[in-house]
């Protein structure tokens, strides 16, 4: 495929300059605009009509990359948005995919792979970093965690910074009981510590 029009979105000028130089080395790629914020990205996508948007996730103040992606893909005849970021947490990946991103690549991706991914996205294909793809697949295969009401209550208190002893006192149970609830929650959420359990439960909308 030739003549792929690309919009670069990153709040770091040096990163944008590097990406522009890389893409400019290929005759069939044209960088039509750059944006340093989510708001600029949405406006540029509407005005320049790119085929592909390379979108960072963290963009300083204002809307982030996932929010900008959602707005861009909601427009009529939208471009394909490929997230290009240093962030690879499950929460970041899920937000981007749910926002409508057609791909998710990390900034340490090989330059030639990045170029091919731009063409692939323009052809309508989905492009995913191999590790990201594996993690999404494992998450899809994992049954949803069915936390009990008490486990949710305990994790909510953990999220507020309470110790096991303080939780036990508040719930009028023993510390051993609190630990048992946490162990069961860890197993259901496929994590091995309190912090990860809180993060996982929040990702699933089970605690605030």
Protein backbone atom coordinates (compact mmCIF):
# COMPACT_ATOMS: atom_id res chain seq x y z
CA UNK A 1 0.00 0.00 0.00
CA UNK A 2 1.37 3.45 -0.86
CA UNK A 3 0.86 6.99 0.27
CA UNK A 4 0.01 6.37 3.92
CA UNK A 5 -0.78 9.64 5.68
CA UNK A 6 0.28 9.70 9.32
CA UNK A 7 -0.50 11.96 12.29
CA UNK A 8 2.08 11.87 15.11
CA UNK A 9 0.82 12.45 18.66
CA UNK A 10 3.36 12.78 21.48
CA UNK A 11 4.01 15.51 24.03
CA UNK A 12 7.79 15.21 23.64
CA UNK A 13 9.16 17.17 20.63
CA UNK A 14 12.29 15.01 20.46
CA UNK A 15 10.19 11.85 20.16
CA UNK A 16 8.06 13.39 17.42
CA UNK A 17 11.21 14.53 15.57
CA UNK A 18 12.65 11.02 15.74
CA UNK A 19 9.44 9.44 14.49
CA UNK A 20 9.13 11.99 11.70
CA UNK A 21 12.70 11.27 10.57
CA UNK A 22 12.07 7.53 10.63
CA UNK A 23 8.82 7.75 8.68
CA UNK A 24 10.28 10.28 6.22
CA UNK A 25 12.88 7.70 5.23
CA UNK A 26 10.10 5.80 3.47
CA UNK A 27 8.75 7.37 0.28
CA UNK A 28 5.30 5.87 0.76
CA UNK A 29 4.72 7.47 4.16
CA UNK A 30 3.76 11.12 4.65
CA UNK A 31 3.58 12.78 8.06
CA UNK A 32 0.72 15.22 7.59
CA UNK A 33 0.68 16.73 11.09
CA UNK A 34 1.97 16.52 14.66
CA UNK A 35 0.12 17.04 17.93
CA UNK A 36 1.40 17.47 21.47
CA UNK A 37 -1.90 16.99 23.32
CA UNK A 38 -5.05 14.93 23.13
CA UNK A 39 -7.11 17.95 22.13
CA UNK A 40 -4.67 18.81 19.33
CA UNK A 41 -4.75 15.20 18.18
CA UNK A 42 -8.54 15.20 17.83
CA UNK A 43 -8.54 18.52 15.97
CA UNK A 44 -5.67 17.47 13.66
CA UNK A 45 -7.31 14.14 12.89
CA UNK A 46 -10.44 15.98 11.78
CA UNK A 47 -8.62 18.60 9.70
CA UNK A 48 -5.83 16.57 8.06
CA UNK A 49 -7.67 13.26 7.53
CA UNK A 50 -4.71 10.91 8.13
CA UNK A 51 -4.86 7.19 7.41
CA UNK A 52 -3.03 6.28 10.62
CA UNK A 53 -2.52 8.05 13.94
CA UNK A 54 0.50 7.09 16.07
CA UNK A 55 -0.78 7.93 19.55
CA UNK A 56 1.09 8.18 22.84
CA UNK A 57 -0.98 7.46 25.96
CA UNK A 58 0.34 10.02 28.45
CA UNK A 59 0.00 13.54 27.07
CA UNK A 60 0.32 15.85 30.04
CA UNK A 61 -2.64 18.06 30.91
CA UNK A 62 -6.00 17.60 29.21
CA UNK A 63 -7.36 14.40 27.73
CA UNK A 64 -4.99 11.44 27.47
CA UNK A 65 -4.25 9.19 24.53
CA UNK A 66 -7.03 6.72 25.23
CA UNK A 67 -9.62 9.48 25.51
CA UNK A 68 -8.33 11.12 22.33
CA UNK A 69 -8.46 7.76 20.57
CA UNK A 70 -12.09 7.27 21.55
CA UNK A 71 -13.02 10.69 20.17
CA UNK A 72 -11.09 10.16 16.94
CA UNK A 73 -12.56 6.75 16.14
CA UNK A 74 -16.07 8.00 16.94
CA UNK A 75 -15.93 10.38 13.96
CA UNK A 76 -17.18 9.44 10.51
CA UNK A 77 -14.64 7.59 8.35
CA UNK A 78 -11.99 7.68 11.12
CA UNK A 79 -8.30 6.91 10.74
CA UNK A 80 -6.74 3.85 12.32
CA UNK A 81 -5.17 4.67 15.68
CA UNK A 82 -2.06 2.78 16.75
CA UNK A 83 -0.90 3.41 20.30
CA UNK A 84 2.87 3.87 20.56
CA UNK A 85 3.90 4.18 24.18
CA UNK A 86 6.30 3.16 26.91
CA UNK A 87 3.42 2.06 29.16
CA UNK A 88 2.39 -1.59 29.10
CA UNK A 89 0.26 -2.20 32.18
CA UNK A 90 -2.88 -4.25 31.73
CA UNK A 91 -4.96 -1.19 32.62
CA UNK A 92 -3.29 0.93 29.91
CA UNK A 93 -3.65 -1.79 27.30
CA UNK A 94 -7.31 -2.41 28.08
CA UNK A 95 -8.19 1.28 28.04
CA UNK A 96 -6.58 1.71 24.64
CA UNK A 97 -8.25 -1.35 23.14
CA UNK A 98 -11.62 -0.42 24.61
CA UNK A 99 -11.20 3.11 23.20
CA UNK A 100 -10.93 1.62 19.72
CA UNK A 101 -7.18 1.50 19.06
CA UNK A 102 -6.26 -0.68 16.09
CA UNK A 103 -2.87 -1.47 17.55
CA UNK A 104 -0.62 -1.22 20.57
CA UNK A 105 3.14 -0.96 20.19
CA UNK A 106 5.92 -0.10 22.62
CA UNK A 107 8.48 2.59 21.88
CA UNK A 108 11.32 0.07 21.90
CA UNK A 109 9.74 -1.61 18.86
CA UNK A 110 12.21 -2.24 16.03
CA UNK A 111 11.99 0.65 13.51
CA UNK A 112 11.24 -1.66 10.58
CA UNK A 113 8.49 -3.36 12.58
CA UNK A 114 7.03 0.06 13.34
CA UNK A 115 7.02 1.02 9.67
CA UNK A 116 5.39 -2.26 8.66
CA UNK A 117 2.85 -1.81 11.44
CA UNK A 118 1.87 1.59 10.01
CA UNK A 119 1.23 -0.02 6.61
CA UNK A 120 -0.59 -2.95 8.23
CA UNK A 121 -2.85 -0.62 10.20
CA UNK A 122 -3.61 1.37 7.05
CA UNK A 123 -4.64 -1.92 5.39
CA UNK A 124 -7.13 -2.47 8.19
CA UNK A 125 -5.12 -4.99 10.17
CA UNK A 126 -4.64 -5.07 13.93
CA UNK A 127 -1.05 -4.61 15.09
CA UNK A 128 0.01 -5.65 18.57
CA UNK A 129 3.34 -5.92 20.33
CA UNK A 130 3.85 -9.70 20.84
CA UNK A 131 3.97 -9.39 24.64
CA UNK A 132 0.86 -7.22 24.65
CA UNK A 133 -0.93 -9.76 22.46
CA UNK A 134 -0.02 -12.61 24.83
CA UNK A 135 -1.25 -10.67 27.83
CA UNK A 136 -4.54 -9.83 26.17
CA UNK A 137 -5.01 -13.47 25.21
CA UNK A 138 -4.31 -14.66 28.76
CA UNK A 139 -6.72 -12.10 30.11
CA UNK A 140 -9.44 -13.24 27.70
CA UNK A 141 -8.88 -16.85 28.74
CA UNK A 142 -9.00 -16.03 32.45
CA UNK A 143 -12.46 -16.44 34.00
CA UNK A 144 -13.80 -13.30 35.67
CA UNK A 145 -13.00 -13.05 39.35
CA UNK A 146 -16.14 -13.58 41.40
CA UNK A 147 -15.25 -11.89 44.66
CA UNK A 148 -17.52 -12.35 47.64
CA UNK A 149 -19.09 -9.32 49.30
CA UNK A 150 -16.72 -9.69 52.25
CA UNK A 151 -13.67 -9.96 49.98
CA UNK A 152 -14.74 -6.76 48.22
CA UNK A 153 -15.19 -5.10 51.60
CA UNK A 154 -11.73 -6.16 52.77
CA UNK A 155 -10.06 -5.02 49.52
CA UNK A 156 -11.87 -1.69 49.71
CA UNK A 157 -10.36 -1.14 53.14
CA UNK A 158 -6.95 -2.23 51.89
CA UNK A 159 -7.31 0.38 49.14
CA UNK A 160 -7.84 3.01 51.85
CA UNK A 161 -4.50 2.07 53.39
CA UNK A 162 -5.73 0.09 56.40
CA UNK A 163 -3.57 -2.67 57.85
CA UNK A 164 -4.89 -6.18 58.44
CA UNK A 165 -5.18 -5.37 62.15
CA UNK A 166 -7.17 -2.18 61.46
CA UNK A 167 -9.42 -4.01 59.02
CA UNK A 168 -10.05 -6.77 61.56
CA UNK A 169 -10.96 -4.20 64.19
CA UNK A 170 -13.32 -2.34 61.86
CA UNK A 171 -15.07 -5.51 60.67
CA UNK A 172 -15.03 -7.06 64.14
CA UNK A 173 -13.26 -10.22 62.98
CA UNK A 174 -9.86 -11.75 63.67
CA UNK A 175 -6.72 -10.89 61.72
CA UNK A 176 -6.60 -14.52 60.59
CA UNK A 177 -10.04 -14.11 59.02
CA UNK A 178 -8.90 -10.98 57.19
CA UNK A 179 -5.84 -12.84 55.89
CA UNK A 180 -8.05 -15.70 54.71
CA UNK A 181 -10.26 -13.30 52.74
CA UNK A 182 -7.18 -11.71 51.19
CA UNK A 183 -5.66 -15.05 50.21
CA UNK A 184 -8.90 -16.10 48.50
CA UNK A 185 -9.08 -12.72 46.74
CA UNK A 186 -5.45 -13.06 45.59
CA UNK A 187 -6.25 -16.46 44.08
CA UNK A 188 -9.36 -15.23 42.28
CA UNK A 189 -7.57 -12.16 40.93
CA UNK A 190 -4.42 -14.10 40.01
CA UNK A 191 -2.13 -11.80 42.01
CA UNK A 192 0.26 -12.30 44.91
CA UNK A 193 0.13 -9.11 46.96
CA UNK A 194 -2.19 -6.48 48.39
CA UNK A 195 -1.27 -3.69 45.97
CA UNK A 196 -1.78 -5.88 42.89
CA UNK A 197 -5.09 -7.11 44.29
CA UNK A 198 -6.38 -3.56 44.68
CA UNK A 199 -5.25 -2.65 41.16
CA UNK A 200 -6.86 -5.77 39.67
CA UNK A 201 -10.13 -5.26 41.55
CA UNK A 202 -10.27 -1.65 40.40
CA UNK A 203 -9.60 -2.64 36.78
CA UNK A 204 -12.58 -4.98 37.00
CA UNK A 205 -14.76 -2.31 38.57
CA UNK A 206 -15.21 -4.33 41.76
CA UNK A 207 -13.92 -1.62 44.07
CA UNK A 208 -13.62 2.13 43.70
